[in-house]
Amino acid sequence: MATREKRLAQFDGSGNPPPDLPLEVLCEDHSGTYQLPFACRWIDGRWRNDRTGGMVEATVVGWRLPRSSAI
């Protein structure tokens, strides 16, 4: 199992995310860190599910450009 530091190192997350681009996001809760299984977009200061447009109700601690075409 990857440690929190290793997961955070895999996600850029520095500065503001590029607007209107699909991104992979890393979230964190009381159980640990996890990557959402869907792409998200940073729109008007909020994270949204790229496919549905629904707001992400998790604490996002990192983001990165997609690493594969699977998203």
N, C-alpha and C. Protein backbone atom coordinates (compact mmCIF):
# COMPACT_ATOMS: atom_id res chain seq x y z
N MET A 1 0.84 -1.18 0.00
CA MET A 1 0.00 0.00 0.00
C MET A 1 0.89 1.25 0.00
N ALA A 2 0.56 2.19 -0.86
CA ALA A 2 1.35 3.41 -0.96
C ALA A 2 1.10 4.31 0.24
N THR A 3 2.14 4.97 0.67
CA THR A 3 1.98 5.92 1.78
C THR A 3 1.41 7.22 1.26
N ARG A 4 0.93 8.03 2.17
CA ARG A 4 0.36 9.33 1.80
C ARG A 4 1.38 10.17 1.04
N GLU A 5 2.60 10.20 1.51
CA GLU A 5 3.64 10.99 0.86
C GLU A 5 3.92 10.52 -0.56
N LYS A 6 3.94 9.21 -0.77
CA LYS A 6 4.19 8.67 -2.11
C LYS A 6 3.05 9.03 -3.05
N ARG A 7 1.82 8.93 -2.55
CA ARG A 7 0.66 9.29 -3.39
C ARG A 7 0.69 10.77 -3.73
N LEU A 8 0.95 11.62 -2.74
CA LEU A 8 1.01 13.06 -2.99
C LEU A 8 2.10 13.42 -4.00
N ALA A 9 3.22 12.71 -3.95
CA ALA A 9 4.32 12.97 -4.87
C ALA A 9 3.94 12.65 -6.31
N GLN A 10 2.94 11.79 -6.51
CA GLN A 10 2.51 11.42 -7.86
C GLN A 10 1.55 12.44 -8.47
N PHE A 11 1.06 13.34 -7.65
CA PHE A 11 0.11 14.35 -8.10
C PHE A 11 0.73 15.72 -7.93
N ASP A 12 0.68 16.54 -8.98
CA ASP A 12 1.27 17.87 -8.93
C ASP A 12 0.58 18.71 -7.88
N GLY A 13 -0.57 19.20 -8.18
CA GLY A 13 -1.36 19.92 -7.21
C GLY A 13 -0.82 21.27 -6.78
N SER A 14 0.26 21.74 -7.39
CA SER A 14 0.78 23.05 -7.00
C SER A 14 0.13 24.13 -7.85
N GLY A 15 -0.25 25.20 -7.21
CA GLY A 15 -0.92 26.28 -7.92
C GLY A 15 -2.35 25.93 -8.25
N ASN A 16 -2.96 26.78 -9.04
CA ASN A 16 -4.34 26.53 -9.45
C ASN A 16 -4.37 25.51 -10.58
N PRO A 17 -5.35 24.62 -10.56
CA PRO A 17 -5.47 23.66 -11.66
C PRO A 17 -5.83 24.39 -12.95
N PRO A 18 -5.40 23.86 -14.10
CA PRO A 18 -5.79 24.49 -15.36
C PRO A 18 -7.31 24.40 -15.52
N PRO A 19 -7.96 25.50 -15.89
CA PRO A 19 -9.42 25.47 -16.02
C PRO A 19 -9.86 24.67 -17.23
N ASP A 20 -10.98 24.02 -17.07
CA ASP A 20 -11.66 23.33 -18.17
C ASP A 20 -10.85 22.23 -18.85
N LEU A 21 -9.97 21.58 -18.09
CA LEU A 21 -9.27 20.39 -18.59
C LEU A 21 -9.63 19.21 -17.71
N PRO A 22 -9.84 18.02 -18.29
CA PRO A 22 -10.09 16.85 -17.44
C PRO A 22 -8.81 16.49 -16.69
N LEU A 23 -8.93 16.29 -15.39
CA LEU A 23 -7.78 16.00 -14.53
C LEU A 23 -8.05 14.81 -13.64
N GLU A 24 -7.00 14.13 -13.23
CA GLU A 24 -7.09 13.10 -12.20
C GLU A 24 -6.91 13.80 -10.86
N VAL A 25 -7.71 13.41 -9.87
CA VAL A 25 -7.59 14.05 -8.57
C VAL A 25 -7.35 13.02 -7.48
N LEU A 26 -6.60 13.45 -6.48
CA LEU A 26 -6.32 12.64 -5.30
C LEU A 26 -7.09 13.26 -4.15
N CYS A 27 -7.86 12.43 -3.46
CA CYS A 27 -8.69 12.91 -2.35
C CYS A 27 -8.20 12.27 -1.05
N GLU A 28 -8.68 12.84 0.05
CA GLU A 28 -8.28 12.34 1.36
C GLU A 28 -9.46 12.42 2.31
N ASP A 29 -9.60 11.40 3.14
CA ASP A 29 -10.59 11.42 4.22
C ASP A 29 -10.00 10.70 5.42
N HIS A 30 -10.83 10.38 6.39
CA HIS A 30 -10.35 9.75 7.62
C HIS A 30 -9.72 8.38 7.38
N SER A 31 -10.02 7.75 6.24
CA SER A 31 -9.46 6.43 5.93
C SER A 31 -8.13 6.49 5.18
N GLY A 32 -7.81 7.65 4.62
CA GLY A 32 -6.56 7.78 3.87
C GLY A 32 -6.75 8.52 2.57
N THR A 33 -5.81 8.33 1.64
CA THR A 33 -5.86 8.99 0.34
C THR A 33 -6.33 8.01 -0.72
N TYR A 34 -6.99 8.53 -1.73
CA TYR A 34 -7.48 7.69 -2.82
C TYR A 34 -7.68 8.55 -4.06
N GLN A 35 -7.51 7.93 -5.21
CA GLN A 35 -7.75 8.61 -6.49
C GLN A 35 -9.18 8.34 -6.91
N LEU A 36 -9.89 9.38 -7.34
CA LEU A 36 -11.24 9.18 -7.84
C LEU A 36 -11.18 8.40 -9.14
N PRO A 37 -12.16 7.52 -9.39
CA PRO A 37 -12.13 6.68 -10.59
C PRO A 37 -12.67 7.38 -11.84
N PHE A 38 -12.81 8.70 -11.78
CA PHE A 38 -13.31 9.46 -12.92
C PHE A 38 -12.55 10.78 -13.00
N ALA A 39 -12.52 11.35 -14.19
CA ALA A 39 -11.85 12.63 -14.39
C ALA A 39 -12.70 13.75 -13.81
N CYS A 40 -12.03 14.81 -13.39
CA CYS A 40 -12.70 15.98 -12.83
C CYS A 40 -12.21 17.23 -13.54
N ARG A 41 -13.00 18.29 -13.43
CA ARG A 41 -12.61 19.59 -13.96
C ARG A 41 -12.74 20.63 -12.86
N TRP A 42 -11.83 21.60 -12.89
CA TRP A 42 -11.86 22.72 -11.95
C TRP A 42 -12.63 23.83 -12.63
N ILE A 43 -13.85 24.10 -12.16
CA ILE A 43 -14.73 25.08 -12.80
C ILE A 43 -15.24 26.05 -11.74
N ASP A 44 -14.97 27.32 -11.93
CA ASP A 44 -15.44 28.37 -11.02
C ASP A 44 -15.08 28.07 -9.56
N GLY A 45 -13.86 27.59 -9.35
CA GLY A 45 -13.38 27.36 -7.99
C GLY A 45 -13.90 26.11 -7.32
N ARG A 46 -14.50 25.20 -8.11
CA ARG A 46 -15.04 23.95 -7.55
C ARG A 46 -14.63 22.78 -8.43
N TRP A 47 -14.43 21.62 -7.81
CA TRP A 47 -14.17 20.41 -8.56
C TRP A 47 -15.49 19.80 -8.99
N ARG A 48 -15.55 19.39 -10.27
CA ARG A 48 -16.75 18.76 -10.81
C ARG A 48 -16.38 17.50 -11.57
N ASN A 49 -17.29 16.51 -11.50
CA ASN A 49 -17.14 15.29 -12.28
C ASN A 49 -17.18 15.67 -13.75
N ASP A 50 -16.18 15.26 -14.50
CA ASP A 50 -16.08 15.64 -15.91
C ASP A 50 -17.25 15.11 -16.72
N ARG A 51 -17.73 13.94 -16.40
CA ARG A 51 -18.79 13.30 -17.19
C ARG A 51 -20.18 13.83 -16.82
N THR A 52 -20.47 13.92 -15.51
CA THR A 52 -21.82 14.27 -15.08
C THR A 52 -21.99 15.75 -14.76
N GLY A 53 -20.88 16.44 -14.45
CA GLY A 53 -20.96 17.83 -14.04
C GLY A 53 -21.28 18.00 -12.57
N GLY A 54 -21.49 16.89 -11.86
CA GLY A 54 -21.80 16.96 -10.44
C GLY A 54 -20.60 17.42 -9.62
N MET A 55 -20.88 18.13 -8.53
CA MET A 55 -19.80 18.61 -7.67
C MET A 55 -19.15 17.44 -6.92
N VAL A 56 -17.84 17.51 -6.79
CA VAL A 56 -17.10 16.52 -6.01
C VAL A 56 -17.20 16.93 -4.54
N GLU A 57 -17.69 16.03 -3.72
CA GLU A 57 -17.89 16.34 -2.31
C GLU A 57 -16.82 15.69 -1.44
N ALA A 58 -15.62 15.62 -1.97
CA ALA A 58 -14.48 15.06 -1.24
C ALA A 58 -13.42 16.14 -1.11
N THR A 59 -12.50 15.93 -0.20
CA THR A 59 -11.39 16.87 -0.03
C THR A 59 -10.29 16.51 -1.02
N VAL A 60 -10.09 17.34 -2.01
CA VAL A 60 -9.07 17.10 -3.03
C VAL A 60 -7.75 17.65 -2.51
N VAL A 61 -6.72 16.80 -2.48
CA VAL A 61 -5.41 17.20 -1.97
C VAL A 61 -4.35 17.24 -3.06
N GLY A 62 -4.68 16.80 -4.26
CA GLY A 62 -3.73 16.83 -5.36
C GLY A 62 -4.43 16.60 -6.69
N TRP A 63 -3.81 17.04 -7.76
CA TRP A 63 -4.34 16.84 -9.10
C TRP A 63 -3.19 16.68 -10.08
N ARG A 64 -3.51 16.10 -11.24
CA ARG A 64 -2.52 15.94 -12.31
C ARG A 64 -3.26 15.75 -13.64
N LEU A 65 -2.53 15.98 -14.71
CA LEU A 65 -3.06 15.67 -16.03
C LEU A 65 -3.21 14.16 -16.14
N PRO A 66 -4.19 13.68 -16.89
CA PRO A 66 -4.39 12.22 -17.02
C PRO A 66 -3.13 11.54 -17.55
N ARG A 67 -2.82 10.40 -16.96
CA ARG A 67 -1.64 9.64 -17.36
C ARG A 67 -1.95 8.60 -18.43
N SER A 68 -3.24 8.31 -18.64
CA SER A 68 -3.61 7.33 -19.66
C SER A 68 -4.87 7.80 -20.36
N SER A 69 -5.20 7.17 -21.44
CA SER A 69 -6.42 7.53 -22.17
C SER A 69 -7.63 6.83 -21.61
N ALA A 70 -7.49 6.11 -20.49
CA ALA A 70 -8.60 5.38 -19.89
C ALA A 70 -9.65 6.31 -19.31
N ILE A 71 -9.27 7.56 -19.04
CA ILE A 71 -10.23 8.49 -18.44
C ILE A 71 -11.00 9.22 -19.50
